[in-house]
Amino acid sequence: MKFIQTSKAVEPAGHYSQAVVYGGVVYAAGVLGKDPDNPDADPGDAAQQTRQALANLSAVLEAAGSDLECVVRMTIYVSGIEYWGAVNEAYAEVMGEHKPARAIVPVKNFVEPYVVEIVATAALGG
C-alpha cells in the first residue's frame, strides 16, 4: 500500500491521504476546486470549481503514477442540483472523449464557498 501526497494539489484538511495506491488501483480522496497555489482565493463559480477540482485530481493521479485517462469511476458531490449543468459542461471540456463511470450526488450541506467535490478511482498506468 502506497500513500500519495503532492504539493501540486491542495493539502488534506484532515487525517487522510490525497490518494492510496493498492493492487494496481488508485483511490483518490475527494478534491475541491481550491487553487493549491492560492488557497485563500475565491474559487469562482461551479464550472471554475469543477475545472480546478479536476486539475487537482490530475496532479494527485500523476503523483500516484496514473492520469485522468485511467479513471474508471468518478463521484461528483454537488451542493445544489442547479449547478449540475455548469458542472457537467466543465467536466466534459476537461475529460473530452474519456467517459468513466460516474455518479452525481446532491448534498445538502457543503464546505462554503465550495459547491463541488470530486472523488475518483483510477487504474495505474497512463
Protein backbone atom coordinates (compact mmCIF):
# COMPACT_ATOMS: atom_id res chain seq x y z
CA MET A 1 0.00 0.00 0.00
CA LYS A 2 1.36 3.41 -1.00
CA PHE A 3 0.09 6.73 0.38
CA ILE A 4 0.20 9.67 -2.04
CA GLN A 5 0.93 13.27 -1.14
CA THR A 6 1.80 16.05 -3.62
CA SER A 7 2.19 19.79 -3.21
CA LYS A 8 0.73 20.23 -6.71
CA ALA A 9 -2.75 19.69 -5.23
CA VAL A 10 -4.47 21.05 -2.15
CA GLU A 11 -3.13 19.74 1.15
CA PRO A 12 -5.56 17.47 3.02
CA ALA A 13 -7.63 19.29 5.63
CA GLY A 14 -7.69 16.27 7.93
CA HIS A 15 -6.11 12.94 8.72
CA TYR A 16 -6.14 11.34 5.27
CA SER A 17 -4.00 10.89 2.16
CA GLN A 18 -4.69 12.56 -1.17
CA ALA A 19 -4.77 9.04 -2.61
CA VAL A 20 -3.87 5.47 -1.79
CA VAL A 21 -2.45 3.01 -4.32
CA TYR A 22 -3.23 -0.64 -3.74
CA GLY A 23 -3.41 -3.62 -6.07
CA GLY A 24 -2.85 -1.57 -9.23
CA VAL A 25 -5.65 0.84 -8.38
CA VAL A 26 -5.52 4.50 -7.29
CA TYR A 27 -8.18 5.52 -4.79
CA ALA A 28 -8.25 9.33 -4.76
CA ALA A 29 -9.77 11.24 -1.87
CA GLY A 30 -12.33 13.95 -2.53
CA VAL A 31 -10.90 17.10 -4.09
CA LEU A 32 -12.32 20.60 -4.06
CA GLY A 33 -11.84 23.35 -6.59
CA LYS A 34 -9.30 25.10 -4.39
CA ASP A 35 -6.19 26.56 -6.01
CA PRO A 36 -3.17 24.94 -4.30
CA ASP A 37 -1.03 27.99 -5.16
CA ASN A 38 -3.54 30.44 -3.70
CA PRO A 39 -5.81 28.53 -1.29
CA ASP A 40 -7.48 31.69 0.07
CA ALA A 41 -8.61 32.88 -3.38
CA ASP A 42 -12.29 32.94 -4.33
CA PRO A 43 -12.90 29.58 -6.02
CA GLY A 44 -15.31 31.05 -8.57
CA ASP A 45 -18.48 29.54 -9.92
CA ALA A 46 -19.40 25.85 -10.24
CA ALA A 47 -17.70 25.49 -13.65
CA GLN A 48 -14.46 27.06 -12.40
CA GLN A 49 -14.53 24.88 -9.30
CA THR A 50 -15.06 21.77 -11.43
CA ARG A 51 -12.10 22.60 -13.67
CA GLN A 52 -9.85 23.28 -10.67
CA ALA A 53 -11.01 20.14 -8.83
CA LEU A 54 -10.17 18.08 -11.93
CA ALA A 55 -6.77 19.80 -12.18
CA ASN A 56 -6.13 18.92 -8.53
CA LEU A 57 -7.26 15.36 -9.16
CA SER A 58 -4.98 15.17 -12.19
CA ALA A 59 -2.00 16.24 -10.05
CA VAL A 60 -2.79 13.61 -7.43
CA LEU A 61 -3.20 10.89 -10.05
CA GLU A 62 0.09 11.90 -11.70
CA ALA A 63 1.88 11.66 -8.34
CA ALA A 64 0.43 8.16 -7.98
CA GLY A 65 1.56 7.04 -11.46
CA SER A 66 -1.77 7.48 -13.25
CA ASP A 67 -3.78 10.18 -15.02
CA LEU A 68 -7.33 11.28 -15.87
CA GLU A 69 -7.40 8.90 -18.87
CA CYS A 70 -7.06 5.97 -16.44
CA VAL A 71 -10.05 6.97 -14.29
CA VAL A 72 -12.63 4.20 -14.21
CA ARG A 73 -15.13 5.82 -11.84
CA MET A 74 -15.90 9.30 -10.52
CA THR A 75 -18.37 10.52 -7.96
CA ILE A 76 -19.24 14.19 -8.05
CA TYR A 77 -20.84 15.73 -4.99
CA VAL A 78 -22.66 18.99 -5.72
CA SER A 79 -24.35 21.24 -3.17
CA GLY A 80 -27.29 22.04 -5.42
CA ILE A 81 -28.72 20.34 -8.47
CA GLU A 82 -28.96 23.79 -10.09
CA TYR A 83 -25.16 23.61 -10.54
CA TRP A 84 -25.30 20.36 -12.48
CA GLY A 85 -25.42 21.90 -15.97
CA ALA A 86 -22.31 24.02 -15.39
CA VAL A 87 -20.52 21.13 -13.67
CA ASN A 88 -21.35 18.70 -16.47
CA GLU A 89 -20.22 21.16 -19.17
CA ALA A 90 -16.87 21.87 -17.47
CA TYR A 91 -16.40 18.15 -16.78
CA ALA A 92 -16.97 17.30 -20.46
CA GLU A 93 -14.47 20.01 -21.53
CA VAL A 94 -11.75 18.58 -19.31
CA MET A 95 -12.46 14.88 -19.78
CA GLY A 96 -13.03 15.03 -23.55
CA GLU A 97 -13.81 11.65 -25.09
CA HIS A 98 -12.89 9.73 -21.93
CA LYS A 99 -16.13 8.78 -20.17
CA PRO A 100 -15.56 6.87 -16.93
CA ALA A 101 -18.50 5.56 -14.94
CA ARG A 102 -19.87 8.48 -12.96
CA ALA A 103 -22.39 9.39 -10.30
CA ILE A 104 -23.72 12.77 -9.22
CA VAL A 105 -24.71 13.07 -5.59
CA PRO A 106 -26.54 16.18 -4.39
CA VAL A 107 -25.62 17.08 -0.82
CA LYS A 108 -27.50 19.40 1.49
CA ASN A 109 -24.60 20.90 3.43
CA PHE A 110 -21.20 21.68 1.97
CA VAL A 111 -18.00 23.47 2.90
CA GLU A 112 -18.63 27.12 1.95
CA PRO A 113 -17.87 28.61 -0.59
CA TYR A 114 -17.37 25.30 -2.42
CA VAL A 115 -20.18 23.66 -4.37
CA VAL A 116 -18.31 20.70 -5.94
CA GLU A 117 -16.19 17.82 -4.63
CA ILE A 118 -14.90 15.01 -6.83
CA VAL A 119 -13.79 11.50 -5.81
CA ALA A 120 -12.17 9.09 -8.28
CA THR A 121 -10.86 5.58 -8.74
CA ALA A 122 -8.24 5.01 -11.44
CA ALA A 123 -6.04 2.25 -12.79
CA LEU A 124 -2.27 2.64 -12.56
CA GLY A 125 -0.55 3.49 -15.80
CA GLY A 126 -1.11 6.26 -18.23
